[in-house]
Amino acid sequence: MALLDGLLALYRLNQDAASDASGNGRNLEVTGATYNTTTKKLGSAAGEFDGADDKMTSTATGFDGLTAITVAAWVYADTKGDYEHIIAKGNIANAIGEHSWGFIFMTGDSTAKLIWRVSNGTSEPLIESDASFPTGQWVHIIGTWDGTTIKMYIDNVLQTATDSLTGTMSDINDTTYPMRLGSSANVGQYFDGKLDEVAIWNREITAAERSQVFNSGTGIEIPYPTPTGGGGGGIWGLIR
């Protein structure tokens, strides 16, 4: 199965955040966020969020009513405040029925944990990172739900806790509860840091695909670059 299969949206954040590189037209509206061309993971830049009011918003359809999902991103946290929303669809801080999925920080003490939540409108299981999430470095995060089990991977390592959710994700009005980078839908709990290569699928990607995206910590742009020479063959041609 190719990485393009089931790809809902792809944001490279190379100073053109409004463009959905998946070709599906789920573009972003940028509010306040800028681009960092020095501290970046892939490409020419990363999205920079100030933790005060920066956000990138997509009101496109397709992020709701899912029966499976994978969200992957490179994250560089400058600071971690309680309930900082990194990537979110719906209002995580409010009622269960008002949340589809998202990554947030929950601190409360010195052990700032990364949280992955998924809701079907009736129940809202969550899992948290095994250890405090680091600041000042690029970390790869993946959250998945295969229709039953939600999981989280940090630098391609499965976090110990898993949780269950059976059903379909709640259909949330997209204009009221849009998908956002750097903020939740309608509460002022903003992410302070950088994001790069954010990808969202309507399926759980495979273990091999997780390894390909993480690429031993180097990362790689999705989809893989078109191989040069040999008519697109060779190793790149085989793994695409």
Protein backbone atom coordinates (compact mmCIF):
# COMPACT_ATOMS: atom_id res chain seq x y z
CA MET A 1 0.00 0.00 0.00
CA ALA A 2 1.44 3.37 -1.03
CA LEU A 3 1.70 6.28 1.37
CA LEU A 4 -0.64 8.24 -0.89
CA ASP A 5 -3.47 5.74 -0.27
CA GLY A 6 -6.04 7.32 2.02
CA LEU A 7 -4.02 10.52 2.43
CA LEU A 8 -6.53 13.21 3.45
CA ALA A 9 -4.17 16.16 3.74
CA LEU A 10 -0.45 16.96 3.70
CA TYR A 11 1.05 20.22 4.92
CA ARG A 12 4.75 20.68 4.18
CA LEU A 13 4.78 24.18 5.77
CA ASN A 14 7.44 25.37 3.35
CA GLN A 15 6.26 29.00 3.44
CA ASP A 16 3.19 27.87 1.53
CA ALA A 17 1.08 26.48 4.36
CA ALA A 18 -2.17 27.28 2.60
CA SER A 19 -1.38 24.58 0.05
CA ASP A 20 -2.50 21.01 0.75
CA ALA A 21 0.25 19.00 -0.93
CA SER A 22 -1.96 15.88 -1.06
CA GLY A 23 -3.86 17.46 -3.95
CA ASN A 24 -7.19 17.17 -2.11
CA GLY A 25 -7.66 20.91 -1.69
CA ARG A 26 -7.93 20.93 2.11
CA ASN A 27 -5.96 24.14 2.31
CA LEU A 28 -5.16 26.17 5.41
CA GLU A 29 -5.92 29.75 6.36
CA VAL A 30 -2.92 31.17 8.21
CA THR A 31 -3.53 33.47 11.17
CA GLY A 32 -0.41 34.95 12.74
CA ALA A 33 1.79 31.90 12.21
CA THR A 34 5.08 32.44 10.39
CA TYR A 35 7.82 30.27 8.88
CA ASN A 36 11.19 29.35 10.31
CA THR A 37 13.79 28.72 7.62
CA THR A 38 16.59 27.96 10.10
CA THR A 39 15.07 25.57 12.65
CA LYS A 40 13.27 23.25 10.26
CA LYS A 41 13.09 19.51 9.80
CA LEU A 42 12.37 19.03 6.09
CA GLY A 43 12.18 21.21 3.02
CA SER A 44 12.76 24.96 3.09
CA ALA A 45 10.92 25.90 6.30
CA ALA A 46 8.76 24.84 9.23
CA GLY A 47 5.60 26.44 10.57
CA GLU A 48 6.27 28.69 13.57
CA PHE A 49 3.61 29.20 16.28
CA ASP A 50 4.03 31.74 19.09
CA GLY A 51 1.81 30.13 21.75
CA ALA A 52 -0.32 33.27 21.99
CA ASP A 53 -2.65 33.49 19.00
CA ASP A 54 -1.08 31.74 16.00
CA LYS A 55 -3.02 29.08 14.15
CA MET A 56 -3.59 27.48 10.74
CA THR A 57 -7.16 26.45 9.98
CA SER A 58 -8.88 24.22 7.42
CA THR A 59 -12.68 24.25 7.23
CA ALA A 60 -12.67 21.60 4.50
CA THR A 61 -14.78 18.48 4.87
CA GLY A 62 -13.31 15.01 5.22
CA PHE A 63 -11.81 15.16 8.70
CA ASP A 64 -15.02 13.83 10.36
CA GLY A 65 -17.05 10.65 10.23
CA LEU A 66 -13.93 8.51 9.95
CA THR A 67 -13.65 4.82 10.79
CA ALA A 68 -9.84 4.97 11.09
CA ILE A 69 -7.16 7.66 11.15
CA THR A 70 -3.44 8.34 11.30
CA VAL A 71 -1.99 11.75 12.12
CA ALA A 72 1.78 12.20 11.76
CA ALA A 73 3.97 15.28 12.26
CA TRP A 74 7.39 16.53 13.21
CA VAL A 75 7.09 18.65 16.36
CA TYR A 76 9.55 21.06 17.96
CA ALA A 77 8.18 22.36 21.27
CA ASP A 78 9.65 25.62 22.54
CA THR A 79 7.57 25.49 25.73
CA LYS A 80 4.73 23.29 26.98
CA GLY A 81 1.74 24.87 28.66
CA ASP A 82 -1.18 22.87 29.99
CA TYR A 83 -3.64 22.00 27.22
CA GLU A 84 -1.51 23.40 24.42
CA HIS A 85 -3.21 22.12 21.26
CA ILE A 86 -0.76 20.97 18.59
CA ILE A 87 -3.09 19.49 15.97
CA ALA A 88 -6.80 19.28 16.70
CA LYS A 89 -10.16 18.63 15.06
CA GLY A 90 -12.97 19.75 17.31
CA ASN A 91 -12.96 21.33 20.75
CA ILE A 92 -10.90 18.99 22.90
CA ALA A 93 -11.44 21.00 26.08
CA ASN A 94 -15.25 20.77 25.96
CA ALA A 95 -17.78 17.96 25.97
CA ILE A 96 -17.01 14.53 24.56
CA GLY A 97 -19.39 15.02 21.64
CA GLU A 98 -17.47 18.10 20.55
CA HIS A 99 -14.17 16.42 19.84
CA SER A 100 -12.98 14.20 17.01
CA TRP A 101 -9.22 13.84 17.49
CA GLY A 102 -6.08 15.71 18.44
CA PHE A 103 -2.63 16.00 20.00
CA ILE A 104 -2.25 18.21 23.07
CA PHE A 105 0.12 18.78 25.97
CA MET A 106 -1.19 18.14 29.47
CA THR A 107 1.26 19.31 32.09
CA GLY A 108 -0.15 20.01 35.52
CA ASP A 109 3.29 19.22 36.94
CA SER A 110 6.87 18.98 35.71
CA THR A 111 6.16 15.85 33.64
CA ALA A 112 4.60 17.48 30.58
CA LYS A 113 3.00 14.62 28.65
CA LEU A 114 1.87 14.43 25.07
CA ILE A 115 -1.75 13.28 24.79
CA TRP A 116 -3.51 11.66 21.80
CA ARG A 117 -7.31 11.73 22.01
CA VAL A 118 -10.01 10.32 19.75
CA SER A 119 -13.79 10.69 20.19
CA ASN A 120 -16.83 9.13 18.54
CA GLY A 121 -19.21 11.53 20.26
CA THR A 122 -20.03 9.05 23.02
CA SER A 123 -16.69 8.14 24.56
CA GLU A 124 -13.32 9.84 24.44
CA PRO A 125 -10.38 7.57 25.26
CA LEU A 126 -6.90 9.02 25.44
CA ILE A 127 -3.35 7.84 25.79
CA GLU A 128 -0.34 9.73 27.04
CA SER A 129 3.37 9.53 26.38
CA ASP A 130 5.45 7.26 28.58
CA ALA A 131 7.72 10.16 29.57
CA SER A 132 7.77 13.92 29.58
CA PHE A 133 7.84 15.32 26.05
CA PRO A 134 11.14 17.12 25.30
CA THR A 135 11.60 20.74 24.31
CA GLY A 136 14.17 22.24 21.97
CA GLN A 137 14.42 19.31 19.58
CA TRP A 138 12.54 17.74 16.67
CA VAL A 139 10.40 14.75 17.64
CA HIS A 140 8.21 12.66 15.35
CA ILE A 141 4.70 11.88 16.58
CA ILE A 142 2.07 9.52 15.17
CA GLY A 143 -1.42 8.93 16.50
CA THR A 144 -3.57 6.12 15.08
CA TRP A 145 -7.00 4.57 15.43
CA ASP A 146 -7.87 1.43 13.46
CA GLY A 147 -11.56 1.45 14.31
CA THR A 148 -11.02 -0.10 17.73
CA THR A 149 -7.62 0.64 19.27
CA ILE A 150 -5.95 4.03 19.57
CA LYS A 151 -2.15 4.11 19.73
CA MET A 152 0.60 6.69 19.87
CA TYR A 153 4.18 6.50 18.61
CA ILE A 154 6.99 8.89 19.49
CA ASP A 155 10.06 8.62 17.26
CA ASN A 156 8.50 5.39 15.97
CA VAL A 157 8.33 3.85 19.46
CA LEU A 158 4.90 2.62 20.55
CA GLN A 159 3.95 4.21 23.85
CA THR A 160 2.98 1.67 26.49
CA ALA A 161 -0.65 2.66 26.94
CA THR A 162 -3.33 1.89 24.37
CA ASP A 163 -7.07 2.46 24.58
CA SER A 164 -10.18 1.33 22.77
CA LEU A 165 -12.89 3.12 20.81
CA THR A 166 -15.41 1.36 18.58
CA GLY A 167 -17.69 3.23 16.24
CA THR A 168 -17.47 6.15 13.85
CA MET A 169 -15.95 9.50 14.76
CA SER A 170 -18.60 12.10 15.47
CA ASP A 171 -19.64 14.25 12.52
CA ILE A 172 -18.82 17.75 13.66
CA ASN A 173 -19.87 20.81 11.69
CA ASP A 174 -16.69 21.78 9.89
CA THR A 175 -17.27 25.53 9.98
CA THR A 176 -17.92 25.47 13.73
CA TYR A 177 -15.18 23.00 14.64
CA PRO A 178 -12.49 23.11 11.95
CA MET A 179 -9.22 21.23 11.83
CA ARG A 180 -6.39 23.39 13.13
CA LEU A 181 -2.64 23.37 13.58
CA GLY A 182 -1.40 25.25 16.63
CA SER A 183 -4.77 25.63 18.36
CA SER A 184 -8.03 23.87 19.16
CA ALA A 185 -11.27 24.78 17.43
CA ASN A 186 -12.48 27.59 19.63
CA VAL A 187 -10.47 27.88 22.84
CA GLY A 188 -7.32 29.91 23.31
CA GLN A 189 -4.88 27.16 24.18
CA TYR A 190 -2.14 27.67 21.63
CA PHE A 191 0.97 25.69 20.75
CA ASP A 192 4.37 27.32 21.25
CA GLY A 193 6.82 25.78 18.80
CA LYS A 194 7.23 24.49 15.28
CA LEU A 195 5.53 21.94 13.06
CA ASP A 196 6.73 20.28 9.89
CA GLU A 197 5.43 17.68 7.42
CA VAL A 198 1.95 17.20 8.91
CA ALA A 199 0.10 14.29 7.27
CA ILE A 200 -3.40 12.91 7.91
CA TRP A 201 -4.76 9.60 6.56
CA ASN A 202 -8.20 7.99 6.75
CA ARG A 203 -6.57 4.68 7.72
CA GLU A 204 -3.97 3.29 10.09
CA ILE A 205 -0.67 3.29 8.23
CA THR A 206 1.41 0.14 8.41
CA ALA A 207 4.52 -0.51 10.50
CA ALA A 208 6.64 -0.36 7.35
CA GLU A 209 5.12 3.00 6.44
CA ARG A 210 5.76 4.37 9.93
CA SER A 211 9.41 3.41 9.54
CA GLN A 212 9.56 4.99 6.10
CA VAL A 213 8.12 8.29 7.34
CA PHE A 214 10.37 8.39 10.42
CA ASN A 215 13.38 7.32 8.32
CA SER A 216 15.64 6.62 11.31
CA GLY A 217 15.06 10.15 12.59
CA THR A 218 16.01 11.88 9.36
CA GLY A 219 12.44 12.11 8.11
CA ILE A 220 11.34 12.16 4.51
CA GLU A 221 8.84 14.15 2.50
CA ILE A 222 5.58 12.41 1.62
CA PRO A 223 5.19 11.12 -1.05
CA TYR A 224 8.70 9.97 -1.73
CA PRO A 225 10.63 12.06 -4.25
CA THR A 226 10.38 10.92 -7.85
CA PRO A 227 13.55 8.92 -8.60
CA THR A 228 15.91 10.32 -11.18
CA GLY A 229 17.30 8.24 -14.04
CA GLY A 230 16.41 4.72 -15.06
CA GLY A 231 12.84 5.63 -15.88
CA GLY A 232 11.75 5.74 -12.25
CA GLY A 233 13.06 2.30 -11.35
CA GLY A 234 15.68 1.21 -8.87
CA ILE A 235 15.09 0.99 -5.14
CA TRP A 236 12.90 4.12 -4.98
CA GLY A 237 10.70 2.72 -7.70
CA LEU A 238 10.28 -0.54 -5.80
CA ILE A 239 9.26 0.94 -2.47
CA ARG A 240 6.80 3.49 -3.86
